[in-house]
Amino acid sequence: MVSQLACLKEPSPEPNPIPEGLSQVQSRLGDVIESDGKKEGRKKVRYELLPNNPVGPRSSEEDVELCYSISKLLIRFSLMNQLKIKLITEIISPDRKNQNCFRILKNVFLREEKIQDAINYHQQITQVVQTVEFQEKRIQKDEALQQQIVTYQSYNSKLEEILQAQNRLKTHIEEANKSIQQTDKQFLDKHQSQIQELNDKLNDYQEKYQYFSTNQKYSIQITQVINQIGQAFCYLNNLKQLISQRTLPAYQQYTQIYSEIQQSLKSFEKQHSQLHQKIYNDEQIQLKNHERIKTLEMTKNQLDQFNQQMNQFKEQVKNLIKNEYCNNETTRNLINNKLKNMDQNIKEQNEQFDKFTQFNQEDKCENIDEQIKQLEEFQGKLKELKANNQKIKKFLLQIINYEIGLENICRPYNQFNLNFKQLNQQKKNPRKELKMNQAFWIDMKKTSNTKCTVI
C-alpha cells in the first residue's frame, strides 16, 4: 500500500505506466481496432487476443477459451480500478491538493474510459465472434452435409453395385436352385427307377419260384427262397425311405442295401437256374424212365416169346432123337449139343434181362439212354437167336431128310446084298462081281456122307 501511494505522489509530465496486463490488453485492442476494417480482421480478432499466440488458424474450442480468458482479464481490471479509486479517495485530502493529483486522476479516468470502450468493443467482438461462429457452424454443417451428400452418393453407388451383385447372386442362386432341383429330380428318378427295377425282378423271381412250388421234391428249398424274396421286398421299403432323406449317411446306407439286394438277385438267379435244371433233368429222367420201362416191357414180351419158341424148339429137337432115321450116335450127339447151346442161350438171356430190371430209376439221363440202348441191343440179339434157331431147325430137318434119303439109298443096297447072297448061293464063283458091286456102293455112300457133312 505504501509503495503504491509513493508511486502516486511522484509528479511526472508523462502518465504513469499502465499495468503490464492492462497495457497488453490495450495494445491488443488497439491492434484489433486498427484491423477492424480490413479484409481478414475477423481472423485477427479470433486468433490474436491471447499473448504469445502462435501463427495459424485455431479451432472453435480455442476461440471459446480465448473469449473466456479476455472476460477474466477485464473483470480483474475492473476490481483493480475500484481499488485504485478507493486509494485515491484516501490519498486526496484538502491539505494535499495539487496539480499532479488531478493529472493522475485524469489519466486514471481516461484509462478507465478506454477500458470501458475496450469492454464495449469486447462485447461487440463477442457478438461478432458468436455470429462468425454461428456462420462457421452453418458452413461446417453445410460442409458436413456436403460431405454427407458425397458419402451418401458414394454409398448409393456402392449400394447400387451391391444391389446389382445381389441381383446377380439372386440369379445365380435361382439357377443353382433350378440345377439342384433338376439334379435332385434326376437323382430321385434314377434311384426310384432302380428300386422299381429291383421290385420287378423280385416279382419275377417270386412268380417263378411259386410256379415251382408244386414240386414236392424241392418244396423246402423253394419255400426258403420265397421267404428270402419277401425279406428283400422289406429292404425295398427301406430304400424308399432312405432315398427320400437326401443325406450322405442315408445314401451310403442305401448303396449298401442296394448292393446286398443285387447280390441276393444273383443268388436267386443262380438257384433258379440250378432248380430249373434239376426239375428239367427230373422230367427228362422221368420221360426216359417211361421210355425205358416201355422198352423193357417190349423186351420182356420178346424174351417170353423167345423162351416159348426155344422150349417148343427144344421139344421138336428132342422129338428128332426119337425119329428112326436119327437113331444113331452122330445125330444124337449133334442134337444134344444143340440142345445144350439152346439151354445156355436161354439162361444167359434171362440173366441179362434180370440185370436190366435192376436199373436205378433215379440215374442220369445218359445212363438211362445207355440202358435203353442195351435193351434195344438185347432185343436185336433175341432176334438173331430166333433166326439162328430157325437155321438150326432147318439144319436138323435137312439132317432128317438126309437120313431119310440115305435110308432110301441104303435100302436098295441092302436088297441087292440080300439078292446077291441068294445068287451067290446059286452060283459057285461070284466073288469078282460082288467086289465090284461093293466098291460101287461104298463110293456112293461116301459121297452121301460128304454131302451131309457140308449141310
Protein backbone atom coordinates (compact mmCIF):
# COMPACT_ATOMS: atom_id res chain seq x y z
CA MET A 1 0.00 0.00 0.00
CA VAL A 2 2.79 2.50 0.92
CA SER A 3 4.67 1.70 -2.25
CA GLN A 4 1.56 2.28 -4.33
CA LEU A 5 0.96 5.68 -2.66
CA ALA A 6 4.57 6.61 -3.20
CA CYS A 7 4.14 5.99 -6.85
CA LEU A 8 1.09 8.31 -6.95
CA LYS A 9 2.91 11.20 -5.15
CA GLU A 10 5.70 11.43 -7.67
CA PRO A 11 4.91 14.13 -10.25
CA SER A 12 5.64 13.29 -13.79
CA PRO A 13 4.91 15.00 -17.08
CA GLU A 14 4.21 11.65 -18.56
CA PRO A 15 1.31 9.49 -17.45
CA ASN A 16 2.12 6.74 -15.08
CA PRO A 17 2.85 3.44 -16.77
CA ILE A 18 -0.15 1.19 -17.33
CA PRO A 19 -0.01 -2.16 -15.59
CA GLU A 20 1.53 -4.92 -17.61
CA GLY A 21 -1.67 -6.90 -18.16
CA LEU A 22 -3.69 -3.78 -18.96
CA SER A 23 -1.08 -2.46 -21.35
CA GLN A 24 -1.09 -5.77 -23.16
CA VAL A 25 -4.88 -5.69 -23.44
CA GLN A 26 -4.80 -2.10 -24.60
CA SER A 27 -2.19 -2.83 -27.20
CA ARG A 28 -4.12 -5.88 -28.32
CA LEU A 29 -7.36 -3.91 -28.51
CA GLY A 30 -5.65 -1.16 -30.44
CA ASP A 31 -4.41 -3.63 -32.94
CA VAL A 32 -7.90 -5.06 -33.18
CA ILE A 33 -9.43 -1.61 -33.78
CA GLU A 34 -6.91 -0.80 -36.48
CA SER A 35 -7.58 -4.10 -38.25
CA ASP A 36 -11.37 -3.93 -37.92
CA GLY A 37 -11.97 -2.67 -41.41
CA LYS A 38 -9.50 -4.90 -43.04
CA LYS A 39 -10.44 -7.94 -45.06
CA GLU A 40 -9.11 -10.50 -42.62
CA GLY A 41 -9.94 -8.64 -39.39
CA ARG A 42 -12.21 -11.41 -38.23
CA LYS A 43 -9.38 -13.87 -38.15
CA LYS A 44 -7.18 -11.47 -36.11
CA VAL A 45 -9.98 -10.90 -33.62
CA ARG A 46 -10.27 -14.63 -33.27
CA TYR A 47 -6.64 -15.59 -33.18
CA GLU A 48 -4.58 -12.64 -31.78
CA LEU A 49 -6.24 -11.73 -28.44
CA LEU A 50 -4.14 -14.04 -26.28
CA PRO A 51 -0.49 -13.34 -25.60
CA ASN A 52 2.12 -15.41 -27.31
CA ASN A 53 -0.46 -16.63 -29.80
CA PRO A 54 1.08 -18.87 -32.45
CA VAL A 55 0.59 -18.00 -36.03
CA GLY A 56 -2.04 -20.01 -37.85
CA PRO A 57 -5.77 -20.83 -37.67
CA ARG A 58 -7.35 -22.10 -34.48
CA SER A 59 -10.24 -24.35 -33.75
CA SER A 60 -13.60 -23.35 -32.27
CA GLU A 61 -12.54 -24.68 -28.85
CA GLU A 62 -9.53 -22.36 -28.88
CA ASP A 63 -11.84 -19.43 -29.74
CA VAL A 64 -14.06 -20.15 -26.74
CA GLU A 65 -11.01 -20.41 -24.49
CA LEU A 66 -9.79 -17.05 -25.82
CA CYS A 67 -13.08 -15.30 -25.04
CA TYR A 68 -13.14 -16.80 -21.55
CA SER A 69 -9.57 -15.54 -20.87
CA ILE A 70 -10.48 -12.00 -22.02
CA SER A 71 -13.55 -11.96 -19.76
CA LYS A 72 -11.48 -12.92 -16.71
CA LEU A 73 -8.89 -10.29 -17.55
CA LEU A 74 -11.49 -7.49 -17.84
CA ILE A 75 -13.12 -8.48 -14.53
CA ARG A 76 -9.74 -8.32 -12.84
CA PHE A 77 -9.09 -4.87 -14.35
CA SER A 78 -12.44 -3.65 -13.05
CA LEU A 79 -11.60 -4.79 -9.50
CA MET A 80 -8.23 -3.06 -9.72
CA ASN A 81 -9.92 0.21 -10.78
CA GLN A 82 -12.24 0.05 -7.80
CA LEU A 83 -9.23 -0.45 -5.54
CA LYS A 84 -7.46 2.48 -7.15
CA ILE A 85 -10.47 4.75 -6.70
CA LYS A 86 -10.56 3.76 -3.05
CA LEU A 87 -6.86 4.58 -2.66
CA ILE A 88 -7.27 7.86 -4.45
CA THR A 89 -10.11 8.80 -2.14
CA GLU A 90 -7.93 8.04 0.88
CA ILE A 91 -4.98 9.91 -0.52
CA ILE A 92 -6.75 13.03 -1.61
CA SER A 93 -7.30 15.48 1.19
CA PRO A 94 -7.79 19.24 1.36
CA ASP A 95 -4.23 19.65 2.58
CA ARG A 96 -2.57 17.89 -0.31
CA LYS A 97 -4.41 19.02 -3.38
CA ASN A 98 -2.13 19.75 -6.20
CA GLN A 99 -1.93 19.57 -9.90
CA ASN A 100 -0.26 16.23 -10.08
CA CYS A 101 -3.08 14.53 -8.29
CA PHE A 102 -5.62 15.83 -10.73
CA ARG A 103 -3.45 14.81 -13.56
CA ILE A 104 -3.17 11.35 -12.18
CA LEU A 105 -6.91 11.16 -11.74
CA LYS A 106 -7.44 12.37 -15.22
CA ASN A 107 -5.16 9.73 -16.60
CA VAL A 108 -6.85 7.16 -14.49
CA PHE A 109 -10.28 8.10 -15.74
CA LEU A 110 -9.06 8.27 -19.28
CA ARG A 111 -7.72 4.81 -18.91
CA GLU A 112 -10.97 3.68 -17.39
CA GLU A 113 -12.85 5.11 -20.36
CA LYS A 114 -10.53 3.24 -22.66
CA ILE A 115 -11.10 0.14 -20.60
CA GLN A 116 -14.84 0.69 -20.85
CA ASP A 117 -14.50 1.19 -24.56
CA ALA A 118 -12.46 -1.99 -24.69
CA ILE A 119 -15.16 -3.80 -22.74
CA ASN A 120 -17.82 -2.49 -25.10
CA TYR A 121 -15.72 -3.40 -28.05
CA HIS A 122 -15.13 -6.78 -26.47
CA GLN A 123 -18.87 -7.22 -26.29
CA GLN A 124 -19.12 -6.25 -29.94
CA ILE A 125 -16.28 -8.63 -30.71
CA THR A 126 -18.05 -11.32 -28.72
CA GLN A 127 -21.20 -10.76 -30.74
CA VAL A 128 -19.18 -10.79 -33.94
CA VAL A 129 -17.39 -13.91 -32.79
CA GLN A 130 -20.71 -15.54 -31.96
CA THR A 131 -22.08 -14.52 -35.34
CA VAL A 132 -18.96 -15.79 -37.04
CA GLU A 133 -19.10 -18.99 -35.00
CA PHE A 134 -22.75 -19.42 -35.94
CA GLN A 135 -21.94 -18.84 -39.58
CA GLU A 136 -18.93 -21.10 -39.31
CA LYS A 137 -21.09 -23.76 -37.72
CA ARG A 138 -23.52 -23.37 -40.57
CA ILE A 139 -20.65 -23.57 -43.01
CA GLN A 140 -19.35 -26.60 -41.16
CA LYS A 141 -22.84 -28.06 -41.22
CA ASP A 142 -23.05 -27.30 -44.92
CA GLU A 143 -19.62 -28.80 -45.46
CA ALA A 144 -20.58 -31.78 -43.33
CA LEU A 145 -23.84 -32.02 -45.22
CA GLN A 146 -21.95 -31.76 -48.50
CA GLN A 147 -19.57 -34.41 -47.25
CA GLN A 148 -22.56 -36.48 -46.20
CA ILE A 149 -24.03 -35.99 -49.67
CA VAL A 150 -20.77 -37.13 -51.23
CA THR A 151 -20.63 -40.01 -48.79
CA TYR A 152 -24.26 -40.78 -49.48
CA GLN A 153 -23.61 -40.70 -53.22
CA SER A 154 -20.63 -42.99 -52.70
CA TYR A 155 -22.72 -45.22 -50.50
CA ASN A 156 -25.52 -45.04 -53.04
CA SER A 157 -23.22 -46.11 -55.85
CA LYS A 158 -21.83 -48.85 -53.67
CA LEU A 159 -25.37 -49.81 -52.73
CA GLU A 160 -26.27 -49.97 -56.41
CA GLU A 161 -23.24 -52.16 -57.00
CA ILE A 162 -24.28 -54.30 -54.05
CA LEU A 163 -27.84 -54.46 -55.40
CA GLN A 164 -26.53 -55.44 -58.82
CA ALA A 165 -24.27 -58.02 -57.24
CA GLN A 166 -27.21 -59.14 -55.13
CA ASN A 167 -29.37 -59.44 -58.25
CA ARG A 168 -26.62 -61.40 -59.97
CA LEU A 169 -26.27 -63.54 -56.86
CA LYS A 170 -30.02 -63.99 -56.77
CA THR A 171 -29.96 -65.04 -60.43
CA HIS A 172 -27.11 -67.45 -59.74
CA ILE A 173 -28.95 -68.78 -56.70
CA GLU A 174 -32.10 -69.29 -58.76
CA GLU A 175 -30.09 -71.04 -61.46
CA ALA A 176 -28.33 -73.09 -58.80
CA ASN A 177 -31.69 -73.93 -57.23
CA LYS A 178 -33.05 -74.98 -60.60
CA SER A 179 -29.94 -77.05 -61.24
CA ILE A 180 -30.18 -78.56 -57.75
CA GLN A 181 -33.87 -79.28 -58.24
CA GLN A 182 -33.15 -80.82 -61.62
CA THR A 183 -30.27 -82.83 -60.20
CA ASP A 184 -32.39 -83.84 -57.24
CA LYS A 185 -35.20 -84.88 -59.58
CA GLN A 186 -32.77 -86.85 -61.74
CA PHE A 187 -31.32 -88.38 -58.58
CA LEU A 188 -34.75 -89.39 -57.31
CA ASP A 189 -35.89 -90.62 -60.74
CA LYS A 190 -32.72 -92.65 -61.18
CA HIS A 191 -32.91 -94.33 -57.79
CA GLN A 192 -36.67 -94.77 -57.95
CA SER A 193 -36.21 -96.49 -61.30
CA GLN A 194 -33.54 -98.67 -59.67
CA ILE A 195 -35.94 -99.54 -56.87
CA GLN A 196 -38.71 -100.25 -59.39
CA GLU A 197 -36.36 -102.44 -61.40
CA LEU A 198 -35.46 -104.38 -58.26
CA ASN A 199 -39.16 -104.69 -57.43
CA ASP A 200 -39.93 -106.06 -60.92
CA LYS A 201 -37.09 -108.58 -60.72
CA LEU A 202 -38.20 -109.72 -57.28
CA ASN A 203 -41.78 -110.13 -58.51
CA ASP A 204 -40.49 -112.11 -61.48
CA TYR A 205 -38.45 -114.44 -59.28
CA GLN A 206 -41.32 -114.78 -56.84
CA GLU A 207 -43.65 -115.89 -59.65
CA LYS A 208 -41.03 -118.32 -60.97
CA TYR A 209 -40.49 -119.94 -57.59
CA GLN A 210 -44.22 -120.07 -56.89
CA TYR A 211 -44.61 -121.89 -60.21
CA PHE A 212 -42.11 -124.47 -58.95
CA SER A 213 -43.80 -124.71 -55.53
CA THR A 214 -45.95 -127.65 -56.72
CA ASN A 215 -42.80 -129.77 -56.93
CA GLN A 216 -42.74 -131.83 -53.74
CA LYS A 217 -39.14 -132.92 -54.10
CA TYR A 218 -37.72 -129.38 -53.79
CA SER A 219 -40.54 -127.78 -51.76
CA ILE A 220 -38.32 -126.93 -48.76
CA GLN A 221 -35.70 -125.17 -50.89
CA ILE A 222 -38.39 -123.30 -52.84
CA THR A 223 -40.08 -122.12 -49.61
CA GLN A 224 -36.76 -120.82 -48.26
CA VAL A 225 -36.10 -118.82 -51.42
CA ILE A 226 -39.65 -117.37 -51.40
CA ASN A 227 -39.10 -116.22 -47.79
CA GLN A 228 -35.81 -114.58 -48.81
CA ILE A 229 -37.61 -112.77 -51.63
CA GLY A 230 -40.19 -111.48 -49.11
CA GLN A 231 -37.36 -110.15 -46.94
CA ALA A 232 -35.89 -108.41 -49.99
CA PHE A 233 -39.25 -106.64 -50.51
CA CYS A 234 -38.92 -105.22 -46.97
CA TYR A 235 -35.47 -103.92 -47.90
CA LEU A 236 -37.03 -102.12 -50.87
CA ASN A 237 -39.27 -100.14 -48.49
CA ASN A 238 -36.16 -99.17 -46.52
CA LEU A 239 -34.54 -97.98 -49.75
CA LYS A 240 -37.52 -95.71 -50.49
CA GLN A 241 -37.30 -94.15 -47.03
CA LEU A 242 -33.53 -93.66 -47.24
CA ILE A 243 -33.59 -92.05 -50.68
CA SER A 244 -36.24 -89.56 -49.53
CA GLN A 245 -33.96 -88.32 -46.70
CA ARG A 246 -31.38 -86.90 -49.16
CA THR A 247 -28.45 -87.16 -46.73
CA LEU A 248 -24.99 -88.62 -47.16
CA PRO A 249 -25.32 -91.26 -44.41
CA ALA A 250 -28.70 -92.28 -45.82
CA TYR A 251 -27.21 -92.53 -49.33
CA GLN A 252 -24.32 -94.63 -48.04
CA GLN A 253 -26.77 -96.95 -46.30
CA TYR A 254 -28.87 -97.01 -49.50
CA THR A 255 -25.83 -98.05 -51.53
CA GLN A 256 -25.03 -100.84 -49.07
CA ILE A 257 -28.59 -102.23 -49.03
CA TYR A 258 -28.86 -101.90 -52.83
CA SER A 259 -25.65 -103.88 -53.25
CA GLU A 260 -26.93 -106.58 -50.89
CA ILE A 261 -30.19 -106.86 -52.85
CA GLN A 262 -28.21 -107.14 -56.09
CA GLN A 263 -26.22 -110.00 -54.58
CA SER A 264 -29.48 -111.62 -53.46
CA LEU A 265 -30.83 -111.32 -57.01
CA LYS A 266 -27.74 -113.04 -58.36
CA SER A 267 -28.22 -115.78 -55.78
CA PHE A 268 -31.90 -116.10 -56.74
CA GLU A 269 -30.93 -116.34 -60.41
CA LYS A 270 -28.30 -118.99 -59.71
CA GLN A 271 -30.62 -121.04 -57.51
CA HIS A 272 -33.42 -120.71 -60.05
CA SER A 273 -31.16 -121.92 -62.86
CA GLN A 274 -29.99 -124.85 -60.76
CA LEU A 275 -33.51 -125.68 -59.65
CA HIS A 276 -34.83 -125.39 -63.18
CA GLN A 277 -32.07 -127.66 -64.42
CA LYS A 278 -32.81 -130.18 -61.67
CA ILE A 279 -36.53 -130.18 -62.40
CA TYR A 280 -35.83 -130.43 -66.13
CA ASN A 281 -33.44 -133.31 -65.52
CA ASP A 282 -36.03 -135.00 -63.33
CA GLU A 283 -38.62 -134.61 -66.05
CA GLN A 284 -36.22 -135.92 -68.64
CA ILE A 285 -35.31 -138.80 -66.35
CA GLN A 286 -38.99 -139.49 -65.87
CA LEU A 287 -39.56 -139.48 -69.62
CA LYS A 288 -36.51 -141.62 -70.20
CA ASN A 289 -37.62 -143.98 -67.47
CA HIS A 290 -41.02 -144.21 -69.08
CA GLU A 291 -39.34 -144.96 -72.39
CA ARG A 292 -37.01 -147.43 -70.69
CA ILE A 293 -39.93 -149.16 -68.95
CA LYS A 294 -41.77 -149.35 -72.23
CA THR A 295 -38.70 -150.78 -73.94
CA LEU A 296 -38.20 -153.14 -71.00
CA GLU A 297 -41.77 -154.39 -71.31
CA MET A 298 -41.32 -154.92 -75.04
CA THR A 299 -38.08 -156.75 -74.35
CA LYS A 300 -39.79 -158.90 -71.72
CA ASN A 301 -42.53 -159.80 -74.16
CA GLN A 302 -39.94 -160.59 -76.77
CA LEU A 303 -37.96 -162.64 -74.24
CA ASP A 304 -41.09 -164.54 -73.25
CA GLN A 305 -41.74 -165.29 -76.89
CA PHE A 306 -38.12 -166.33 -77.27
CA ASN A 307 -38.33 -168.66 -74.27
CA GLN A 308 -41.57 -170.10 -75.53
CA GLN A 309 -40.19 -170.66 -79.00
CA MET A 310 -36.99 -172.11 -77.63
CA ASN A 311 -38.90 -174.52 -75.44
CA GLN A 312 -41.01 -175.55 -78.40
CA PHE A 313 -37.92 -175.93 -80.49
CA LYS A 314 -36.25 -178.00 -77.81
CA GLU A 315 -39.22 -180.32 -77.78
CA GLN A 316 -39.03 -180.58 -81.54
CA VAL A 317 -35.32 -181.35 -81.36
CA LYS A 318 -35.90 -183.91 -78.65
CA ASN A 319 -38.52 -185.50 -80.82
CA LEU A 320 -35.93 -185.80 -83.59
CA ILE A 321 -33.91 -188.13 -81.46
CA LYS A 322 -36.88 -190.44 -81.30
CA ASN A 323 -37.03 -190.46 -85.08
CA GLU A 324 -35.97 -193.80 -86.55
CA TYR A 325 -33.83 -192.06 -89.08
CA CYS A 326 -31.89 -190.12 -86.39
CA ASN A 327 -31.36 -193.06 -84.12
CA ASN A 328 -27.60 -193.03 -84.48
CA GLU A 329 -24.80 -191.75 -82.26
CA THR A 330 -23.61 -188.95 -84.50
CA THR A 331 -27.04 -187.44 -84.91
CA ARG A 332 -27.81 -187.83 -81.22
CA ASN A 333 -24.56 -186.07 -80.21
CA LEU A 334 -25.24 -183.27 -82.65
CA ILE A 335 -28.77 -182.80 -81.39
CA ASN A 336 -27.68 -182.93 -77.74
CA ASN A 337 -25.01 -180.26 -78.34
CA LYS A 338 -27.60 -178.05 -79.97
CA LEU A 339 -29.90 -178.55 -77.02
CA LYS A 340 -27.14 -177.57 -74.58
CA ASN A 341 -26.39 -174.46 -76.58
CA MET A 342 -30.05 -173.57 -76.62
CA ASP A 343 -30.33 -174.01 -72.84
CA GLN A 344 -27.21 -171.89 -72.33
CA ASN A 345 -28.57 -169.12 -74.54
CA ILE A 346 -31.91 -169.16 -72.76
CA LYS A 347 -30.18 -168.93 -69.38
CA GLU A 348 -27.86 -166.10 -70.46
CA GLN A 349 -30.67 -164.07 -71.96
CA ASN A 350 -32.84 -164.42 -68.87
CA GLU A 351 -29.96 -163.43 -66.59
CA GLN A 352 -29.22 -160.43 -68.77
CA PHE A 353 -32.86 -159.39 -68.65
CA ASP A 354 -32.83 -159.71 -64.85
CA LYS A 355 -29.95 -157.22 -64.78
CA PHE A 356 -31.98 -154.80 -66.89
CA THR A 357 -34.83 -154.92 -64.39
CA GLN A 358 -32.44 -153.85 -61.60
CA PHE A 359 -31.52 -150.48 -63.16
CA ASN A 360 -31.69 -147.37 -60.94
CA GLN A 361 -34.67 -145.26 -61.95
CA GLU A 362 -33.07 -142.09 -60.43
CA ASP A 363 -29.99 -142.38 -62.58
CA LYS A 364 -28.82 -139.76 -65.07
CA CYS A 365 -30.38 -139.40 -68.48
CA GLU A 366 -27.16 -140.52 -70.12
CA ASN A 367 -27.16 -143.75 -68.14
CA ILE A 368 -30.83 -144.33 -68.87
CA ASP A 369 -30.17 -143.76 -72.57
CA GLU A 370 -27.39 -146.31 -72.32
CA GLN A 371 -29.80 -148.74 -70.65
CA ILE A 372 -32.33 -148.23 -73.44
CA LYS A 373 -29.59 -148.80 -75.97
CA GLN A 374 -28.60 -152.02 -74.23
CA LEU A 375 -32.23 -153.16 -74.19
CA GLU A 376 -32.51 -152.48 -77.90
CA GLU A 377 -29.29 -154.40 -78.49
CA PHE A 378 -30.70 -157.21 -76.36
CA GLN A 379 -33.83 -157.23 -78.49
CA GLY A 380 -31.66 -157.45 -81.58
CA LYS A 381 -29.75 -160.32 -80.02
CA LEU A 382 -33.01 -162.16 -79.31
CA LYS A 383 -33.99 -161.72 -82.93
CA GLU A 384 -30.63 -163.12 -84.01
CA LEU A 385 -31.09 -166.09 -81.69
CA LYS A 386 -34.52 -166.68 -83.15
CA ALA A 387 -33.05 -166.57 -86.63
CA ASN A 388 -30.27 -168.95 -85.59
CA ASN A 389 -32.83 -171.32 -84.10
CA GLN A 390 -34.67 -171.30 -87.39
CA LYS A 391 -31.41 -172.12 -89.13
CA ILE A 392 -30.77 -174.92 -86.63
CA LYS A 393 -34.27 -176.18 -87.18
CA LYS A 394 -33.74 -176.14 -90.93
CA PHE A 395 -30.39 -177.86 -90.45
CA LEU A 396 -31.93 -180.58 -88.35
CA LEU A 397 -34.68 -181.01 -90.90
CA GLN A 398 -32.00 -181.31 -93.55
CA ILE A 399 -30.32 -183.96 -91.44
CA ILE A 400 -33.57 -185.80 -91.14
CA ASN A 401 -34.11 -185.51 -94.86
CA TYR A 402 -30.56 -186.69 -95.38
CA GLU A 403 -31.12 -189.64 -93.12
CA ILE A 404 -34.31 -190.44 -94.97
CA GLY A 405 -32.52 -190.13 -98.31
CA LEU A 406 -29.67 -192.20 -97.03
CA GLU A 407 -32.12 -194.80 -95.85
CA ASN A 408 -33.74 -194.79 -99.25
CA ILE A 409 -30.33 -195.25 -100.84
CA CYS A 410 -29.27 -197.96 -98.44
CA ARG A 411 -32.49 -199.88 -98.83
CA PRO A 412 -31.79 -200.97 -102.48
CA TYR A 413 -28.24 -201.75 -101.42
CA ASN A 414 -29.46 -203.96 -98.68
CA GLN A 415 -31.91 -205.57 -101.04
CA PHE A 416 -29.08 -206.04 -103.50
CA ASN A 417 -26.95 -207.68 -100.84
CA LEU A 418 -29.80 -209.94 -100.00
CA ASN A 419 -30.30 -210.82 -103.63
CA PHE A 420 -26.58 -211.20 -104.06
CA LYS A 421 -26.37 -213.61 -101.23
CA GLN A 422 -29.20 -215.56 -102.72
CA LEU A 423 -27.49 -215.50 -106.10
CA ASN A 424 -24.20 -216.49 -104.52
CA GLN A 425 -25.77 -219.46 -103.11
CA GLN A 426 -26.95 -220.33 -106.56
CA LYS A 427 -23.57 -219.67 -108.31
CA LYS A 428 -20.24 -221.14 -107.45
CA ASN A 429 -17.84 -218.25 -108.02
CA PRO A 430 -19.49 -214.81 -107.95
CA ARG A 431 -16.70 -213.16 -105.93
CA LYS A 432 -15.36 -210.83 -108.56
CA GLU A 433 -18.75 -209.36 -109.42
CA LEU A 434 -19.55 -208.96 -105.74
CA LYS A 435 -16.41 -206.95 -105.07
CA MET A 436 -17.22 -204.62 -107.90
CA ASN A 437 -20.73 -204.04 -106.62
CA GLN A 438 -19.47 -203.43 -103.09
CA ALA A 439 -16.94 -200.89 -104.28
CA PHE A 440 -19.64 -199.08 -106.20
CA TRP A 441 -21.97 -198.79 -103.23
CA ILE A 442 -19.14 -197.79 -100.88
CA ASP A 443 -18.25 -194.88 -103.14
CA MET A 444 -21.84 -193.90 -103.34
CA LYS A 445 -22.17 -193.90 -99.54
CA LYS A 446 -19.04 -191.79 -99.07
CA THR A 447 -20.42 -189.28 -101.49
CA SER A 448 -23.65 -189.14 -99.50
CA ASN A 449 -21.77 -188.68 -96.16
CA THR A 450 -19.73 -185.85 -97.67
CA LYS A 451 -22.88 -184.00 -98.71
CA CYS A 452 -24.39 -184.45 -95.26
CA THR A 453 -21.30 -183.02 -93.55
CA VAL A 454 -21.35 -179.97 -95.80
CA ILE A 455 -25.00 -179.34 -94.91
